[in-house]
Amino acid sequence: MKKPLSITILCCMAITLLVSESFAEPVRTWKIGHVRPTGSVIDRDVGTFAKNVTADTGGSVRFEIFSGNKLGDYSIVQERVSFGEVEMFVGPFGTAADRRLALAFTPFLVTTWEQARRLYSPSSPLLEHMGKFLESQNIKILGGWPVYFGGIALTEKPRNPDDPDVSKKMIIRVPPIRSFELTAKQLGYTPYPITWMYAKSGLRTGMVGGLIGGGAEGYKGLANLVRYYLPVKDHFEYWFIYINLELWNSLSQKEQQSIKQAAENMEMQRYRHAEDDERASIAELRKRGVEVLEMNEATINRMREKVKRNIWPILREDIGPAFDEVVNFVEKG
């Protein structure tokens, strides 16, 4: 009699296991990428984000991290996330599909970290409008990773670097985004639009004599090619943490909460260190032989006023009412 009883117990246990497994969250491995090398600050932060999500979801969501543009340039990955080929990414947005996305890096919109923290926060109109713009691309913004204020890296010392009205007679790389091209012109440079992936070869071949669209942190790897750095604060670099919208909508409420919380923690932690990291990156440029041509507040304001006068009206036409709402938010602050 004992043997049939044992078989019955084993069968019950097997059925219970099968039933519990059928109600468990499926295990998925997602691709998440970013633009910096393995071991960089963003790479470590993405690794922490991934571990936190995996732990909090009980292992139902796992990640394979692709560093250093291994998934493609950020504008390409944006499209891949839109199609669902890549699940998540941390980086900037391109404007090829929607010019309104230039709102995120409006030139000289903010010039202090205090302003940046207020504007690039989940409750700001900038994040609200960016989220709406990206819905049509099947993308959901979860938060962001503040990076630095932008500057100009050059192979030669420019003529009157602090005077935007003087032609520098230099061709510099700009991202293939209209606001950067217009800004370079207003500051006295001739813009040459190429992606970051080809910027280094452009410097090596002499195709360009410098770059705009990055900051000290990004230019450190080019210190053997550039000799001067101008911290003009032409834009604030903020990398968005985003996910395929259809995928997001398919998740359970618990999974959504786990991912959202991990993204918020990542952003909050980054803000604690970003300003110090920026100073450290500028110091590192000096150590590597790059001369930093300091810009005082009056000089930056002069550049800002020229750009505001000549470029902001163009962006207002491209972006629409959201532009004025964001500008008013900044100015009221």
C-alpha atoms as a PDB file:
ATOM      1  CA  MET A   1       0.000   0.000   0.000  1.00  0.00           C
ATOM      2  CA  LYS A   2       2.926   2.333   0.637  1.00  0.00           C
ATOM      3  CA  LYS A   3       4.159   2.275  -2.974  1.00  0.00           C
ATOM      4  CA  PRO A   4       0.916   3.557  -4.589  1.00  0.00           C
ATOM      5  CA  LEU A   5       0.735   6.248  -1.885  1.00  0.00           C
ATOM      6  CA  SER A   6       4.286   7.387  -2.679  1.00  0.00           C
ATOM      7  CA  ILE A   7       3.475   7.551  -6.395  1.00  0.00           C
ATOM      8  CA  THR A   8       0.368   9.587  -5.645  1.00  0.00           C
ATOM      9  CA  ILE A   9       2.358  12.072  -3.554  1.00  0.00           C
ATOM     10  CA  LEU A  10       4.994  12.431  -6.264  1.00  0.00           C
ATOM     11  CA  CYS A  11       2.320  13.030  -8.901  1.00  0.00           C
ATOM     12  CA  CYS A  12       0.703  15.706  -6.754  1.00  0.00           C
ATOM     13  CA  MET A  13       4.059  17.384  -6.242  1.00  0.00           C
ATOM     14  CA  ALA A  14       4.742  17.338  -9.983  1.00  0.00           C
ATOM     15  CA  ILE A  15       1.319  18.808 -10.765  1.00  0.00           C
ATOM     16  CA  THR A  16       1.818  21.535  -8.140  1.00  0.00           C
ATOM     17  CA  LEU A  17       5.219  22.390  -9.637  1.00  0.00           C
ATOM     18  CA  LEU A  18       3.789  22.558 -13.152  1.00  0.00           C
ATOM     19  CA  VAL A  19       0.905  24.762 -12.045  1.00  0.00           C
ATOM     20  CA  SER A  20       3.188  27.152 -10.142  1.00  0.00           C
ATOM     21  CA  GLU A  21       5.525  27.373 -13.140  1.00  0.00           C
ATOM     22  CA  SER A  22       2.648  28.136 -15.468  1.00  0.00           C
ATOM     23  CA  PHE A  23       1.751  31.178 -13.345  1.00  0.00           C
ATOM     24  CA  ALA A  24       5.361  32.381 -12.938  1.00  0.00           C
ATOM     25  CA  GLU A  25       6.665  35.311 -14.992  1.00  0.00           C
ATOM     26  CA  PRO A  26       8.487  34.118 -18.140  1.00  0.00           C
ATOM     27  CA  VAL A  27      12.265  34.598 -18.112  1.00  0.00           C
ATOM     28  CA  ARG A  28      13.459  37.036 -20.798  1.00  0.00           C
ATOM     29  CA  THR A  29      16.907  38.346 -21.678  1.00  0.00           C
ATOM     30  CA  TRP A  30      16.914  41.873 -23.068  1.00  0.00           C
ATOM     31  CA  LYS A  31      19.553  43.810 -24.938  1.00  0.00           C
ATOM     32  CA  ILE A  32      20.498  47.170 -23.403  1.00  0.00           C
ATOM     33  CA  GLY A  33      23.178  49.405 -24.870  1.00  0.00           C
ATOM     34  CA  HIS A  34      25.016  52.669 -24.319  1.00  0.00           C
ATOM     35  CA  VAL A  35      27.684  54.752 -26.064  1.00  0.00           C
ATOM     36  CA  ARG A  36      30.752  54.479 -23.802  1.00  0.00           C
ATOM     37  CA  PRO A  37      33.434  51.751 -23.393  1.00  0.00           C
ATOM     38  CA  THR A  38      33.233  48.808 -21.024  1.00  0.00           C
ATOM     39  CA  GLY A  39      34.274  49.872 -17.535  1.00  0.00           C
ATOM     40  CA  SER A  40      33.209  53.518 -17.953  1.00  0.00           C
ATOM     41  CA  VAL A  41      30.956  55.209 -15.389  1.00  0.00           C
ATOM     42  CA  ILE A  42      27.822  54.751 -17.478  1.00  0.00           C
ATOM     43  CA  ASP A  43      28.739  51.118 -18.104  1.00  0.00           C
ATOM     44  CA  ARG A  44      28.990  50.476 -14.362  1.00  0.00           C
ATOM     45  CA  ASP A  45      25.714  52.289 -13.707  1.00  0.00           C
ATOM     46  CA  VAL A  46      23.907  50.313 -16.408  1.00  0.00           C
ATOM     47  CA  GLY A  47      25.320  47.141 -14.857  1.00  0.00           C
ATOM     48  CA  THR A  48      23.909  48.133 -11.469  1.00  0.00           C
ATOM     49  CA  PHE A  49      20.571  48.982 -13.063  1.00  0.00           C
ATOM     50  CA  ALA A  50      20.442  45.574 -14.749  1.00  0.00           C
ATOM     51  CA  LYS A  51      21.306  43.701 -11.532  1.00  0.00           C
ATOM     52  CA  ASN A  52      18.664  45.616  -9.566  1.00  0.00           C
ATOM     53  CA  VAL A  53      15.937  44.896 -12.105  1.00  0.00           C
ATOM     54  CA  THR A  54      16.839  41.217 -12.335  1.00  0.00           C
ATOM     55  CA  ALA A  55      16.850  40.867  -8.538  1.00  0.00           C
ATOM     56  CA  ASP A  56      13.601  42.777  -8.025  1.00  0.00           C
ATOM     57  CA  THR A  57      11.740  40.838 -10.735  1.00  0.00           C
ATOM     58  CA  GLY A  58      12.889  37.506  -9.344  1.00  0.00           C
ATOM     59  CA  GLY A  59      14.950  36.860 -12.453  1.00  0.00           C
ATOM     60  CA  SER A  60      12.084  37.263 -14.932  1.00  0.00           C
ATOM     61  CA  VAL A  61      13.965  40.117 -16.676  1.00  0.00           C
ATOM     62  CA  ARG A  62      17.672  39.733 -17.398  1.00  0.00           C
ATOM     63  CA  PHE A  63      20.034  41.798 -19.506  1.00  0.00           C
ATOM     64  CA  GLU A  64      22.862  41.533 -21.975  1.00  0.00           C
ATOM     65  CA  ILE A  65      24.779  44.822 -21.898  1.00  0.00           C
ATOM     66  CA  PHE A  66      26.274  46.193 -25.120  1.00  0.00           C
ATOM     67  CA  SER A  67      28.800  48.980 -24.480  1.00  0.00           C
ATOM     68  CA  GLY A  68      30.645  51.319 -26.822  1.00  0.00           C
ATOM     69  CA  ASN A  69      28.080  51.588 -29.627  1.00  0.00           C
ATOM     70  CA  LYS A  70      28.221  47.837 -30.292  1.00  0.00           C
ATOM     71  CA  LEU A  71      24.550  47.984 -31.256  1.00  0.00           C
ATOM     72  CA  GLY A  72      25.224  50.867 -33.647  1.00  0.00           C
ATOM     73  CA  ASP A  73      25.273  54.659 -33.472  1.00  0.00           C
ATOM     74  CA  TYR A  74      22.652  56.085 -31.086  1.00  0.00           C
ATOM     75  CA  SER A  75      20.403  57.233 -33.951  1.00  0.00           C
ATOM     76  CA  ILE A  76      20.446  53.712 -35.398  1.00  0.00           C
ATOM     77  CA  VAL A  77      19.714  52.112 -32.028  1.00  0.00           C
ATOM     78  CA  GLN A  78      16.812  54.525 -31.551  1.00  0.00           C
ATOM     79  CA  GLU A  79      15.247  53.022 -34.672  1.00  0.00           C
ATOM     80  CA  ARG A  80      16.047  49.481 -33.528  1.00  0.00           C
ATOM     81  CA  VAL A  81      14.338  50.080 -30.184  1.00  0.00           C
ATOM     82  CA  SER A  82      11.365  51.521 -32.043  1.00  0.00           C
ATOM     83  CA  PHE A  83      11.074  48.293 -34.059  1.00  0.00           C
ATOM     84  CA  GLY A  84      11.681  46.081 -31.024  1.00  0.00           C
ATOM     85  CA  GLU A  85      15.008  44.670 -32.278  1.00  0.00           C
ATOM     86  CA  VAL A  86      16.662  46.142 -29.152  1.00  0.00           C
ATOM     87  CA  GLU A  87      14.734  46.349 -25.906  1.00  0.00           C
ATOM     88  CA  MET A  88      16.462  49.248 -24.101  1.00  0.00           C
ATOM     89  CA  PHE A  89      19.094  51.937 -24.557  1.00  0.00           C
ATOM     90  CA  VAL A  90      20.750  54.769 -22.627  1.00  0.00           C
ATOM     91  CA  GLY A  91      21.749  57.669 -24.845  1.00  0.00           C
ATOM     92  CA  PRO A  92      20.655  60.765 -26.756  1.00  0.00           C
ATOM     93  CA  PHE A  93      17.991  60.889 -29.451  1.00  0.00           C
ATOM     94  CA  GLY A  94      18.502  61.705 -33.114  1.00  0.00           C
ATOM     95  CA  THR A  95      16.100  64.041 -34.907  1.00  0.00           C
ATOM     96  CA  ALA A  96      15.856  62.415 -38.342  1.00  0.00           C
ATOM     97  CA  ALA A  97      12.376  61.021 -37.655  1.00  0.00           C
ATOM     98  CA  ASP A  98      11.107  64.002 -35.660  1.00  0.00           C
ATOM     99  CA  ARG A  99      12.749  67.438 -35.519  1.00  0.00           C
ATOM    100  CA  ARG A 100      10.885  68.210 -32.296  1.00  0.00           C
ATOM    101  CA  LEU A 101      13.295  65.959 -30.401  1.00  0.00           C
ATOM    102  CA  ALA A 102      15.865  68.771 -30.682  1.00  0.00           C
ATOM    103  CA  LEU A 103      14.029  70.219 -27.693  1.00  0.00           C
ATOM    104  CA  ALA A 104      16.193  68.046 -25.413  1.00  0.00           C
ATOM    105  CA  PHE A 105      19.433  69.775 -26.402  1.00  0.00           C
ATOM    106  CA  THR A 106      18.296  73.300 -27.234  1.00  0.00           C
ATOM    107  CA  PRO A 107      21.557  75.300 -27.282  1.00  0.00           C
ATOM    108  CA  PHE A 108      22.283  77.372 -24.182  1.00  0.00           C
ATOM    109  CA  LEU A 109      18.896  76.510 -22.680  1.00  0.00           C
ATOM    110  CA  VAL A 110      20.511  75.975 -19.263  1.00  0.00           C
ATOM    111  CA  THR A 111      24.013  76.903 -18.133  1.00  0.00           C
ATOM    112  CA  THR A 112      24.148  75.748 -14.484  1.00  0.00           C
ATOM    113  CA  TRP A 113      23.751  72.379 -12.804  1.00  0.00           C
ATOM    114  CA  GLU A 114      20.971  73.768 -10.646  1.00  0.00           C
ATOM    115  CA  GLN A 115      18.990  74.724 -13.752  1.00  0.00           C
ATOM    116  CA  ALA A 116      19.730  71.355 -15.341  1.00  0.00           C
ATOM    117  CA  ARG A 117      18.481  69.383 -12.329  1.00  0.00           C
ATOM    118  CA  ARG A 118      15.205  71.282 -12.424  1.00  0.00           C
ATOM    119  CA  LEU A 119      14.658  71.062 -16.187  1.00  0.00           C
ATOM    120  CA  TYR A 120      15.793  67.465 -16.710  1.00  0.00           C
ATOM    121  CA  SER A 121      13.530  65.952 -14.086  1.00  0.00           C
ATOM    122  CA  PRO A 122      10.501  63.653 -14.471  1.00  0.00           C
ATOM    123  CA  SER A 123       8.039  66.431 -13.540  1.00  0.00           C
ATOM    124  CA  SER A 124       9.342  69.021 -16.022  1.00  0.00           C
ATOM    125  CA  PRO A 125       7.579  69.998 -19.266  1.00  0.00           C
ATOM    126  CA  LEU A 126      10.684  68.977 -21.214  1.00  0.00           C
ATOM    127  CA  LEU A 127      10.414  65.319 -20.164  1.00  0.00           C
ATOM    128  CA  GLU A 128       6.643  65.438 -20.559  1.00  0.00           C
ATOM    129  CA  HIS A 129       6.808  66.678 -24.151  1.00  0.00           C
ATOM    130  CA  MET A 130       9.705  64.405 -25.103  1.00  0.00           C
ATOM    131  CA  GLY A 131       7.639  61.460 -23.871  1.00  0.00           C
ATOM    132  CA  LYS A 132       4.691  62.522 -26.037  1.00  0.00           C
ATOM    133  CA  PHE A 133       6.866  63.055 -29.117  1.00  0.00           C
ATOM    134  CA  LEU A 134       8.359  59.569 -28.809  1.00  0.00           C
ATOM    135  CA  GLU A 135       5.089  57.678 -28.453  1.00  0.00           C
ATOM    136  CA  SER A 136       4.697  57.746 -32.233  1.00  0.00           C
ATOM    137  CA  GLN A 137       8.113  56.047 -32.482  1.00  0.00           C
ATOM    138  CA  ASN A 138       6.968  53.297 -30.103  1.00  0.00           C
ATOM    139  CA  ILE A 139       9.410  54.454 -27.416  1.00  0.00           C
ATOM    140  CA  LYS A 140       8.853  54.969 -23.688  1.00  0.00           C
ATOM    141  CA  ILE A 141      11.172  57.218 -21.631  1.00  0.00           C
ATOM    142  CA  LEU A 142      11.918  55.882 -18.145  1.00  0.00           C
ATOM    143  CA  GLY A 143      14.342  58.550 -16.944  1.00  0.00           C
ATOM    144  CA  GLY A 144      17.799  59.729 -17.777  1.00  0.00           C
ATOM    145  CA  TRP A 145      21.502  59.927 -17.018  1.00  0.00           C
ATOM    146  CA  PRO A 146      22.893  63.507 -16.808  1.00  0.00           C
ATOM    147  CA  VAL A 147      26.341  63.682 -18.368  1.00  0.00           C
ATOM    148  CA  TYR A 148      27.937  67.145 -18.756  1.00  0.00           C
ATOM    149  CA  PHE A 149      27.753  70.590 -20.301  1.00  0.00           C
ATOM    150  CA  GLY A 150      29.001  70.650 -23.864  1.00  0.00           C
ATOM    151  CA  GLY A 151      32.176  72.225 -25.167  1.00  0.00           C
ATOM    152  CA  ILE A 152      34.384  72.506 -28.230  1.00  0.00           C
ATOM    153  CA  ALA A 153      37.563  70.471 -28.758  1.00  0.00           C
ATOM    154  CA  LEU A 154      40.055  71.748 -31.337  1.00  0.00           C
ATOM    155  CA  THR A 155      43.353  70.744 -32.929  1.00  0.00           C
ATOM    156  CA  GLU A 156      44.507  74.364 -33.173  1.00  0.00           C
ATOM    157  CA  LYS A 157      43.921  77.492 -31.114  1.00  0.00           C
ATOM    158  CA  PRO A 158      41.084  79.478 -32.705  1.00  0.00           C
ATOM    159  CA  ARG A 159      41.106  83.166 -33.473  1.00  0.00           C
ATOM    160  CA  ASN A 160      39.434  85.114 -30.658  1.00  0.00           C
ATOM    161  CA  PRO A 161      37.922  82.037 -29.000  1.00  0.00           C
ATOM    162  CA  ASP A 162      35.776  84.170 -26.688  1.00  0.00           C
ATOM    163  CA  ASP A 163      34.232  86.264 -29.497  1.00  0.00           C
ATOM    164  CA  PRO A 164      31.350  84.577 -31.370  1.00  0.00           C
ATOM    165  CA  ASP A 165      31.336  87.316 -34.018  1.00  0.00           C
ATOM    166  CA  VAL A 166      34.841  86.501 -35.243  1.00  0.00           C
ATOM    167  CA  SER A 167      35.205  83.846 -37.945  1.00  0.00           C
ATOM    168  CA  LYS A 168      37.508  81.098 -36.684  1.00  0.00           C
ATOM    169  CA  LYS A 169      38.192  79.845 -40.210  1.00  0.00           C
ATOM    170  CA  MET A 170      37.970  76.285 -38.905  1.00  0.00           C
ATOM    171  CA  ILE A 171      35.832  73.325 -39.977  1.00  0.00           C
ATOM    172  CA  ILE A 172      34.505  71.353 -37.015  1.00  0.00           C
ATOM    173  CA  ARG A 173      32.463  68.196 -36.703  1.00  0.00           C
ATOM    174  CA  VAL A 174      28.885  68.617 -35.538  1.00  0.00           C
ATOM    175  CA  PRO A 175      26.296  65.896 -34.905  1.00  0.00           C
ATOM    176  CA  PRO A 176      23.912  65.516 -37.862  1.00  0.00           C
ATOM    177  CA  ILE A 177      21.326  67.608 -36.000  1.00  0.00           C
ATOM    178  CA  ARG A 178      20.337  71.071 -37.192  1.00  0.00           C
ATOM    179  CA  SER A 179      20.592  72.859 -33.838  1.00  0.00           C
ATOM    180  CA  PHE A 180      24.288  71.914 -33.498  1.00  0.00           C
ATOM    181  CA  GLU A 181      25.030  72.987 -37.060  1.00  0.00           C
ATOM    182  CA  LEU A 182      23.383  76.365 -36.495  1.00  0.00           C
ATOM    183  CA  THR A 183      25.164  76.822 -33.151  1.00  0.00           C
ATOM    184  CA  ALA A 184      28.586  76.152 -34.661  1.00  0.00           C
ATOM    185  CA  LYS A 185      27.955  78.811 -37.297  1.00  0.00           C
ATOM    186  CA  GLN A 186      26.843  81.355 -34.707  1.00  0.00           C
ATOM    187  CA  LEU A 187      30.046  80.749 -32.730  1.00  0.00           C
ATOM    188  CA  GLY A 188      32.208  81.395 -35.811  1.00  0.00           C
ATOM    189  CA  TYR A 189      32.943  77.859 -37.059  1.00  0.00           C
ATOM    190  CA  THR A 190      32.146  76.017 -40.282  1.00  0.00           C
ATOM    191  CA  PRO A 191      30.087  72.909 -39.404  1.00  0.00           C
ATOM    192  CA  TYR A 192      30.642  69.476 -40.934  1.00  0.00           C
ATOM    193  CA  PRO A 193      27.893  67.011 -39.910  1.00  0.00           C
ATOM    194  CA  ILE A 194      29.133  63.488 -39.128  1.00  0.00           C
ATOM    195  CA  THR A 195      28.219  60.993 -36.403  1.00  0.00           C
ATOM    196  CA  TRP A 196      30.395  60.479 -33.328  1.00  0.00           C
ATOM    197  CA  MET A 197      31.508  57.087 -34.662  1.00  0.00           C
ATOM    198  CA  TYR A 198      33.396  58.840 -37.493  1.00  0.00           C
ATOM    199  CA  ALA A 199      34.600  61.870 -35.524  1.00  0.00           C
ATOM    200  CA  LYS A 200      37.970  60.343 -34.636  1.00  0.00           C
ATOM    201  CA  SER A 201      38.783  59.452 -38.240  1.00  0.00           C
ATOM    202  CA  GLY A 202      37.730  62.971 -39.244  1.00  0.00           C
ATOM    203  CA  LEU A 203      40.313  64.424 -36.863  1.00  0.00           C
ATOM    204  CA  ARG A 204      43.021  61.983 -37.942  1.00  0.00           C
ATOM    205  CA  THR A 205      42.605  62.740 -41.637  1.00  0.00           C
ATOM    206  CA  GLY A 206      42.297  66.480 -41.100  1.00  0.00           C
ATOM    207  CA  MET A 207      38.790  66.481 -42.522  1.00  0.00           C
ATOM    208  CA  VAL A 208      37.800  68.479 -39.450  1.00  0.00           C
ATOM    209  CA  GLY A 209      39.835  70.598 -37.061  1.00  0.00           C
ATOM    210  CA  GLY A 210      37.650  70.027 -34.040  1.00  0.00           C
ATOM    211  CA  LEU A 211      34.322  68.925 -32.634  1.00  0.00           C
ATOM    212  CA  ILE A 212      31.213  70.276 -30.994  1.00  0.00           C
ATOM    213  CA  GLY A 213      28.396  68.170 -29.583  1.00  0.00           C
ATOM    214  CA  GLY A 214      30.374  66.504 -26.816  1.00  0.00           C
ATOM    215  CA  GLY A 215      32.048  67.452 -23.545  1.00  0.00           C
ATOM    216  CA  ALA A 216      35.238  66.894 -21.590  1.00  0.00           C
ATOM    217  CA  GLU A 217      34.220  63.356 -20.570  1.00  0.00           C
ATOM    218  CA  GLY A 218      33.796  62.294 -24.191  1.00  0.00           C
ATOM    219  CA  TYR A 219      36.825  64.166 -25.496  1.00  0.00           C
ATOM    220  CA  LYS A 220      39.290  62.484 -23.100  1.00  0.00           C
ATOM    221  CA  GLY A 221      39.661  59.624 -25.551  1.00  0.00           C
ATOM    222  CA  LEU A 222      40.671  62.108 -28.254  1.00  0.00           C
ATOM    223  CA  ALA A 223      43.336  63.876 -26.197  1.00  0.00           C
ATOM    224  CA  ASN A 224      46.071  62.631 -28.550  1.00  0.00           C
ATOM    225  CA  LEU A 225      44.307  64.380 -31.447  1.00  0.00           C
ATOM    226  CA  VAL A 226      43.020  67.647 -29.953  1.00  0.00           C
ATOM    227  CA  ARG A 227      45.026  70.362 -28.217  1.00  0.00           C
ATOM    228  CA  TYR A 228      42.446  72.864 -26.968  1.00  0.00           C
ATOM    229  CA  TYR A 229      39.141  72.632 -25.116  1.00  0.00           C
ATOM    230  CA  LEU A 230      36.578  75.444 -24.791  1.00  0.00           C
ATOM    231  CA  PRO A 231      33.946  74.786 -22.072  1.00  0.00           C
ATOM    232  CA  VAL A 232      31.327  77.021 -23.714  1.00  0.00           C
ATOM    233  CA  LYS A 233      28.328  75.139 -22.247  1.00  0.00           C
ATOM    234  CA  ASP A 234      26.612  75.148 -25.636  1.00  0.00           C
ATOM    235  CA  HIS A 235      24.156  72.416 -24.539  1.00  0.00           C
ATOM    236  CA  PHE A 236      23.400  70.107 -21.650  1.00  0.00           C
ATOM    237  CA  GLU A 237      24.048  66.450 -22.399  1.00  0.00           C
ATOM    238  CA  TYR A 238      21.369  64.223 -20.912  1.00  0.00           C
ATOM    239  CA  TRP A 239      21.148  60.587 -21.968  1.00  0.00           C
ATOM    240  CA  PHE A 240      17.658  59.132 -21.853  1.00  0.00           C
ATOM    241  CA  ILE A 241      16.895  55.692 -20.452  1.00  0.00           C
ATOM    242  CA  TYR A 242      14.257  54.295 -22.767  1.00  0.00           C
ATOM    243  CA  ILE A 243      12.456  51.104 -23.749  1.00  0.00           C
ATOM    244  CA  ASN A 244      10.309  49.798 -26.584  1.00  0.00           C
ATOM    245  CA  LEU A 245       6.787  51.038 -25.780  1.00  0.00           C
ATOM    246  CA  GLU A 246       4.971  47.910 -26.918  1.00  0.00           C
ATOM    247  CA  LEU A 247       7.255  45.802 -24.749  1.00  0.00           C
ATOM    248  CA  TRP A 248       6.672  48.125 -21.797  1.00  0.00           C
ATOM    249  CA  ASN A 249       2.902  47.807 -22.160  1.00  0.00           C
ATOM    250  CA  SER A 250       3.188  44.012 -22.177  1.00  0.00           C
ATOM    251  CA  LEU A 251       4.896  43.903 -18.763  1.00  0.00           C
ATOM    252  CA  SER A 252       3.189  43.165 -15.489  1.00  0.00           C
ATOM    253  CA  GLN A 253       2.652  46.036 -13.081  1.00  0.00           C
ATOM    254  CA  LYS A 254       5.322  44.607 -10.785  1.00  0.00           C
ATOM    255  CA  GLU A 255       7.879  44.452 -13.594  1.00  0.00           C
ATOM    256  CA  GLN A 256       7.096  47.991 -14.677  1.00  0.00           C
ATOM    257  CA  GLN A 257       7.517  49.237 -11.127  1.00  0.00           C
ATOM    258  CA  SER A 258      10.826  47.403 -10.723  1.00  0.00           C
ATOM    259  CA  ILE A 259      12.258  48.864 -13.930  1.00  0.00           C
ATOM    260  CA  LYS A 260      10.957  52.372 -13.251  1.00  0.00           C
ATOM    261  CA  GLN A 261      12.356  52.371  -9.724  1.00  0.00           C
ATOM    262  CA  ALA A 262      15.759  51.127 -10.885  1.00  0.00           C
ATOM    263  CA  ALA A 263      15.863  53.874 -13.540  1.00  0.00           C
ATOM    264  CA  GLU A 264      14.947  56.558 -10.984  1.00  0.00           C
ATOM    265  CA  ASN A 265      17.621  55.307  -8.586  1.00  0.00           C
ATOM    266  CA  MET A 266      20.195  55.314 -11.366  1.00  0.00           C
ATOM    267  CA  GLU A 267      19.398  58.927 -12.289  1.00  0.00           C
ATOM    268  CA  MET A 268      19.325  60.125  -8.681  1.00  0.00           C
ATOM    269  CA  GLN A 269      22.666  58.465  -7.972  1.00  0.00           C
ATOM    270  CA  ARG A 270      24.185  59.990 -11.086  1.00  0.00           C
ATOM    271  CA  TYR A 271      23.170  63.528 -10.120  1.00  0.00           C
ATOM    272  CA  ARG A 272      25.149  63.113  -6.898  1.00  0.00           C
ATOM    273  CA  HIS A 273      28.386  62.653  -8.841  1.00  0.00           C
ATOM    274  CA  ALA A 274      27.897  64.225 -12.283  1.00  0.00           C
ATOM    275  CA  GLU A 275      29.181  67.716 -11.500  1.00  0.00           C
ATOM    276  CA  ASP A 276      32.294  66.385  -9.754  1.00  0.00           C
ATOM    277  CA  ASP A 277      32.875  63.980 -12.639  1.00  0.00           C
ATOM    278  CA  GLU A 278      32.699  66.872 -15.086  1.00  0.00           C
ATOM    279  CA  ARG A 279      35.367  68.788 -13.169  1.00  0.00           C
ATOM    280  CA  ALA A 280      37.497  65.651 -13.013  1.00  0.00           C
ATOM    281  CA  SER A 281      37.178  65.144 -16.785  1.00  0.00           C
ATOM    282  CA  ILE A 282      38.378  68.694 -17.468  1.00  0.00           C
ATOM    283  CA  ALA A 283      41.299  68.146 -15.097  1.00  0.00           C
ATOM    284  CA  GLU A 284      42.117  64.911 -16.911  1.00  0.00           C
ATOM    285  CA  LEU A 285      42.193  66.732 -20.244  1.00  0.00           C
ATOM    286  CA  ARG A 286      44.806  69.086 -18.794  1.00  0.00           C
ATOM    287  CA  LYS A 287      46.872  66.128 -17.580  1.00  0.00           C
ATOM    288  CA  ARG A 288      46.813  64.701 -21.085  1.00  0.00           C
ATOM    289  CA  GLY A 289      48.227  67.910 -22.551  1.00  0.00           C
ATOM    290  CA  VAL A 290      45.030  69.656 -23.676  1.00  0.00           C
ATOM    291  CA  GLU A 291      44.935  73.384 -22.936  1.00  0.00           C
ATOM    292  CA  VAL A 292      41.596  74.455 -21.462  1.00  0.00           C
ATOM    293  CA  LEU A 293      40.625  77.936 -22.667  1.00  0.00           C
ATOM    294  CA  GLU A 294      38.429  79.068 -19.790  1.00  0.00           C
ATOM    295  CA  MET A 295      35.224  80.938 -20.589  1.00  0.00           C
ATOM    296  CA  ASN A 296      33.954  83.466 -18.036  1.00  0.00           C
ATOM    297  CA  GLU A 297      30.261  84.027 -17.384  1.00  0.00           C
ATOM    298  CA  ALA A 298      30.139  87.213 -19.473  1.00  0.00           C
ATOM    299  CA  THR A 299      31.587  85.381 -22.498  1.00  0.00           C
ATOM    300  CA  ILE A 300      29.124  82.500 -22.197  1.00  0.00           C
ATOM    301  CA  ASN A 301      26.236  84.959 -21.829  1.00  0.00           C
ATOM    302  CA  ARG A 302      27.347  86.775 -24.977  1.00  0.00           C
ATOM    303  CA  MET A 303      27.333  83.500 -26.902  1.00  0.00           C
ATOM    304  CA  ARG A 304      23.988  82.552 -25.383  1.00  0.00           C
ATOM    305  CA  GLU A 305      22.337  85.834 -26.352  1.00  0.00           C
ATOM    306  CA  LYS A 306      23.505  85.516 -29.954  1.00  0.00           C
ATOM    307  CA  VAL A 307      22.259  81.936 -30.211  1.00  0.00           C
ATOM    308  CA  LYS A 308      19.000  82.805 -28.457  1.00  0.00           C
ATOM    309  CA  ARG A 309      18.411  85.672 -30.879  1.00  0.00           C
ATOM    310  CA  ASN A 310      19.276  83.836 -34.098  1.00  0.00           C
ATOM    311  CA  ILE A 311      18.625  80.118 -33.480  1.00  0.00           C
ATOM    312  CA  TRP A 312      15.804  79.842 -30.966  1.00  0.00           C
ATOM    313  CA  PRO A 313      13.200  81.289 -33.402  1.00  0.00           C
ATOM    314  CA  ILE A 314      14.112  78.540 -35.898  1.00  0.00           C
ATOM    315  CA  LEU A 315      13.775  75.851 -33.237  1.00  0.00           C
ATOM    316  CA  ARG A 316      10.469  77.354 -32.139  1.00  0.00           C
ATOM    317  CA  GLU A 317       9.146  76.748 -35.667  1.00  0.00           C
ATOM    318  CA  ASP A 318      10.463  73.169 -35.692  1.00  0.00           C
ATOM    319  CA  ILE A 319       9.234  72.223 -32.224  1.00  0.00           C
ATOM    320  CA  GLY A 320       6.016  74.187 -31.801  1.00  0.00           C
ATOM    321  CA  PRO A 321       4.282  75.343 -28.582  1.00  0.00           C
ATOM    322  CA  ALA A 322       6.330  72.936 -26.438  1.00  0.00           C
ATOM    323  CA  PHE A 323       9.398  75.103 -27.069  1.00  0.00           C
ATOM    324  CA  ASP A 324       7.939  78.211 -25.432  1.00  0.00           C
ATOM    325  CA  GLU A 325       6.530  76.176 -22.557  1.00  0.00           C
ATOM    326  CA  VAL A 326       9.986  74.787 -21.761  1.00  0.00           C
ATOM    327  CA  VAL A 327      11.702  78.166 -22.151  1.00  0.00           C
ATOM    328  CA  ASN A 328       9.154  79.795 -19.828  1.00  0.00           C
ATOM    329  CA  PHE A 329       9.722  77.007 -17.302  1.00  0.00           C
ATOM    330  CA  VAL A 330      13.463  77.683 -17.333  1.00  0.00           C
ATOM    331  CA  GLU A 331      13.129  81.461 -17.104  1.00  0.00           C
ATOM    332  CA  LYS A 332      10.603  81.319 -14.268  1.00  0.00           C
ATOM    333  CA  GLY A 333      12.996  79.131 -12.325  1.00  0.00           C
END
